């Protein structure tokens, strides 16, 4: 957390304890989240 009590995300950890860092490019981050978090229709 930051001094203003805001969350900061540095990456993701999968079920195999692999760590994946993310960049500040929001287009890349949002696309990854879209692919992995939203179910396929």
PDB file of N, CA and C in Angstrom:
ATOM      1  N   UNK A   1       0.837  -1.180   0.000  1.00  0.00           N
ATOM      2  CA  UNK A   1       0.000   0.000   0.000  1.00  0.00           C
ATOM      3  C   UNK A   1       0.884   1.246   0.000  1.00  0.00           C
ATOM      4  N   UNK A   2       0.344   2.282  -0.584  1.00  0.00           N
ATOM      5  CA  UNK A   2       1.066   3.547  -0.612  1.00  0.00           C
ATOM      6  C   UNK A   2       0.742   4.349   0.642  1.00  0.00           C
ATOM      7  N   UNK A   3       1.363   5.494   0.760  1.00  0.00           N
ATOM      8  CA  UNK A   3       1.112   6.356   1.917  1.00  0.00           C
ATOM      9  C   UNK A   3      -0.340   6.827   1.968  1.00  0.00           C
ATOM     10  N   UNK A   4      -1.011   6.866   0.803  1.00  0.00           N
ATOM     11  CA  UNK A   4      -2.416   7.288   0.752  1.00  0.00           C
ATOM     12  C   UNK A   4      -3.362   6.093   0.823  1.00  0.00           C
ATOM     13  N   UNK A   5      -2.873   4.949   1.301  1.00  0.00           N
ATOM     14  CA  UNK A   5      -3.665   3.718   1.415  1.00  0.00           C
ATOM     15  C   UNK A   5      -4.234   3.248   0.081  1.00  0.00           C
ATOM     16  N   UNK A   6      -3.465   3.395  -0.986  1.00  0.00           N
ATOM     17  CA  UNK A   6      -3.863   2.908  -2.301  1.00  0.00           C
ATOM     18  C   UNK A   6      -3.071   1.650  -2.619  1.00  0.00           C
ATOM     19  N   UNK A   7      -3.728   0.681  -3.247  1.00  0.00           N
ATOM     20  CA  UNK A   7      -3.037  -0.541  -3.645  1.00  0.00           C
ATOM     21  C   UNK A   7      -2.115  -0.267  -4.822  1.00  0.00           C
ATOM     22  N   UNK A   8      -0.970  -0.913  -4.841  1.00  0.00           N
ATOM     23  CA  UNK A   8      -0.067  -0.870  -5.989  1.00  0.00           C
ATOM     24  C   UNK A   8       0.196  -2.302  -6.412  1.00  0.00           C
ATOM     25  N   UNK A   9       0.043  -2.573  -7.694  1.00  0.00           N
ATOM     26  CA  UNK A   9       0.238  -3.927  -8.213  1.00  0.00           C
ATOM     27  C   UNK A   9       1.562  -3.968  -8.957  1.00  0.00           C
ATOM     28  N   UNK A  10       2.395  -4.902  -8.582  1.00  0.00           N
ATOM     29  CA  UNK A  10       3.700  -5.062  -9.225  1.00  0.00           C
ATOM     30  C   UNK A  10       3.730  -6.273 -10.133  1.00  0.00           C
ATOM     31  N   UNK A  11       2.751  -7.178  -9.983  1.00  0.00           N
ATOM     32  CA  UNK A  11       2.725  -8.377 -10.807  1.00  0.00           C
ATOM     33  C   UNK A  11       1.691  -9.364 -10.297  1.00  0.00           C
ATOM     34  N   UNK A  12       1.800 -10.585 -10.802  1.00  0.00           N
ATOM     35  CA  UNK A  12       0.872 -11.648 -10.436  1.00  0.00           C
ATOM     36  C   UNK A  12       1.652 -12.886 -10.037  1.00  0.00           C
ATOM     37  N   UNK A  13       1.067 -13.691  -9.172  1.00  0.00           N
ATOM     38  CA  UNK A  13       1.637 -14.985  -8.803  1.00  0.00           C
ATOM     39  C   UNK A  13       0.604 -16.039  -9.164  1.00  0.00           C
ATOM     40  N   UNK A  14       1.011 -17.064  -9.934  1.00  0.00           N
ATOM     41  CA  UNK A  14       0.070 -18.114 -10.312  1.00  0.00           C
ATOM     42  C   UNK A  14       0.072 -19.238  -9.278  1.00  0.00           C
ATOM     43  N   UNK A  15      -0.726 -20.265  -9.537  1.00  0.00           N
ATOM     44  CA  UNK A  15      -0.864 -21.363  -8.580  1.00  0.00           C
ATOM     45  C   UNK A  15       0.411 -22.173  -8.416  1.00  0.00           C
ATOM     46  N   UNK A  16       1.330 -22.055  -9.364  1.00  0.00           N
ATOM     47  CA  UNK A  16       2.618 -22.751  -9.270  1.00  0.00           C
ATOM     48  C   UNK A  16       3.699 -21.872  -8.643  1.00  0.00           C
ATOM     49  N   UNK A  17       3.279 -20.722  -8.093  1.00  0.00           N
ATOM     50  CA  UNK A  17       4.157 -19.754  -7.441  1.00  0.00           C
ATOM     51  C   UNK A  17       5.145 -19.091  -8.400  1.00  0.00           C
ATOM     52  N   UNK A  18       4.775 -19.030  -9.679  1.00  0.00           N
ATOM     53  CA  UNK A  18       5.549 -18.261 -10.653  1.00  0.00           C
ATOM     54  C   UNK A  18       5.151 -16.795 -10.522  1.00  0.00           C
ATOM     55  N   UNK A  19       6.117 -15.912 -10.574  1.00  0.00           N
ATOM     56  CA  UNK A  19       5.862 -14.482 -10.439  1.00  0.00           C
ATOM     57  C   UNK A  19       5.977 -13.821 -11.808  1.00  0.00           C
ATOM     58  N   UNK A  20       4.934 -13.082 -12.176  1.00  0.00           N
ATOM     59  CA  UNK A  20       4.907 -12.364 -13.450  1.00  0.00           C
ATOM     60  C   UNK A  20       4.791 -10.877 -13.153  1.00  0.00           C
ATOM     61  N   UNK A  21       5.814 -10.123 -13.488  1.00  0.00           N
ATOM     62  CA  UNK A  21       5.758  -8.677 -13.275  1.00  0.00           C
ATOM     63  C   UNK A  21       4.991  -8.029 -14.421  1.00  0.00           C
ATOM     64  N   UNK A  22       4.458  -6.843 -14.164  1.00  0.00           N
ATOM     65  CA  UNK A  22       3.716  -6.126 -15.195  1.00  0.00           C
ATOM     66  C   UNK A  22       4.310  -4.737 -15.371  1.00  0.00           C
ATOM     67  N   UNK A  23       4.149  -4.207 -16.562  1.00  0.00           N
ATOM     68  CA  UNK A  23       4.653  -2.863 -16.850  1.00  0.00           C
ATOM     69  C   UNK A  23       3.571  -1.837 -16.537  1.00  0.00           C
ATOM     70  N   UNK A  24       3.905  -0.586 -16.718  1.00  0.00           N
ATOM     71  CA  UNK A  24       2.940   0.493 -16.494  1.00  0.00           C
ATOM     72  C   UNK A  24       2.044   0.744 -17.696  1.00  0.00           C
ATOM     73  N   UNK A  25       2.226  -0.015 -18.768  1.00  0.00           N
ATOM     74  CA  UNK A  25       1.410   0.156 -19.968  1.00  0.00           C
ATOM     75  C   UNK A  25       0.025  -0.434 -19.708  1.00  0.00           C
ATOM     76  N   UNK A  26      -0.964   0.417 -19.530  1.00  0.00           N
ATOM     77  CA  UNK A  26      -2.294  -0.046 -19.144  1.00  0.00           C
ATOM     78  C   UNK A  26      -2.991  -0.848 -20.231  1.00  0.00           C
ATOM     79  N   UNK A  27      -2.634  -0.627 -21.491  1.00  0.00           N
ATOM     80  CA  UNK A  27      -3.248  -1.413 -22.564  1.00  0.00           C
ATOM     81  C   UNK A  27      -2.864  -2.882 -22.430  1.00  0.00           C
ATOM     82  N   UNK A  28      -1.602  -3.141 -22.144  1.00  0.00           N
ATOM     83  CA  UNK A  28      -1.139  -4.517 -21.981  1.00  0.00           C
ATOM     84  C   UNK A  28      -1.777  -5.145 -20.751  1.00  0.00           C
ATOM     85  N   UNK A  29      -1.779  -4.420 -19.656  1.00  0.00           N
ATOM     86  CA  UNK A  29      -2.342  -4.933 -18.406  1.00  0.00           C
ATOM     87  C   UNK A  29      -3.820  -5.242 -18.566  1.00  0.00           C
ATOM     88  N   UNK A  30      -4.586  -4.328 -19.156  1.00  0.00           N
ATOM     89  CA  UNK A  30      -6.021  -4.549 -19.305  1.00  0.00           C
ATOM     90  C   UNK A  30      -6.313  -5.720 -20.236  1.00  0.00           C
ATOM     91  N   UNK A  31      -5.515  -5.907 -21.265  1.00  0.00           N
ATOM     92  CA  UNK A  31      -5.721  -7.024 -22.191  1.00  0.00           C
ATOM     93  C   UNK A  31      -5.446  -8.354 -21.497  1.00  0.00           C
ATOM     94  N   UNK A  32      -4.389  -8.421 -20.709  1.00  0.00           N
ATOM     95  CA  UNK A  32      -4.083  -9.646 -19.964  1.00  0.00           C
ATOM     96  C   UNK A  32      -5.210  -9.977 -19.000  1.00  0.00           C
ATOM     97  N   UNK A  33      -5.689  -8.987 -18.279  1.00  0.00           N
ATOM     98  CA  UNK A  33      -6.794  -9.215 -17.346  1.00  0.00           C
ATOM     99  C   UNK A  33      -8.051  -9.655 -18.083  1.00  0.00           C
ATOM    100  N   UNK A  34      -8.327  -9.040 -19.215  1.00  0.00           N
ATOM    101  CA  UNK A  34      -9.498  -9.397 -20.011  1.00  0.00           C
ATOM    102  C   UNK A  34      -9.428 -10.855 -20.461  1.00  0.00           C
ATOM    103  N   UNK A  35      -8.272 -11.280 -20.930  1.00  0.00           N
ATOM    104  CA  UNK A  35      -8.113 -12.649 -21.428  1.00  0.00           C
ATOM    105  C   UNK A  35      -8.232 -13.676 -20.306  1.00  0.00           C
ATOM    106  N   UNK A  36      -7.639 -13.401 -19.157  1.00  0.00           N
ATOM    107  CA  UNK A  36      -7.560 -14.398 -18.096  1.00  0.00           C
ATOM    108  C   UNK A  36      -8.696 -14.355 -17.083  1.00  0.00           C
ATOM    109  N   UNK A  37      -9.307 -13.210 -16.880  1.00  0.00           N
ATOM    110  CA  UNK A  37     -10.307 -13.112 -15.826  1.00  0.00           C
ATOM    111  C   UNK A  37     -11.744 -13.256 -16.309  1.00  0.00           C
ATOM    112  N   UNK A  38     -12.011 -12.882 -17.542  1.00  0.00           N
ATOM    113  CA  UNK A  38     -13.375 -12.951 -18.038  1.00  0.00           C
ATOM    114  C   UNK A  38     -13.603 -14.269 -18.763  1.00  0.00           C
ATOM    115  N   UNK A  39     -14.677 -14.988 -18.432  1.00  0.00           N
ATOM    116  CA  UNK A  39     -14.927 -16.287 -19.079  1.00  0.00           C
ATOM    117  C   UNK A  39     -15.240 -16.130 -20.565  1.00  0.00           C
ATOM    118  N   UNK A  40     -14.908 -17.156 -21.301  1.00  0.00           N
ATOM    119  CA  UNK A  40     -15.204 -17.143 -22.738  1.00  0.00           C
ATOM    120  C   UNK A  40     -16.691 -17.378 -22.954  1.00  0.00           C
ATOM    121  N   UNK A  41     -17.236 -16.685 -23.921  1.00  0.00           N
ATOM    122  CA  UNK A  41     -18.676 -16.805 -24.208  1.00  0.00           C
ATOM    123  C   UNK A  41     -18.883 -17.835 -25.297  1.00  0.00           C
TER     124      UNK A  41
END
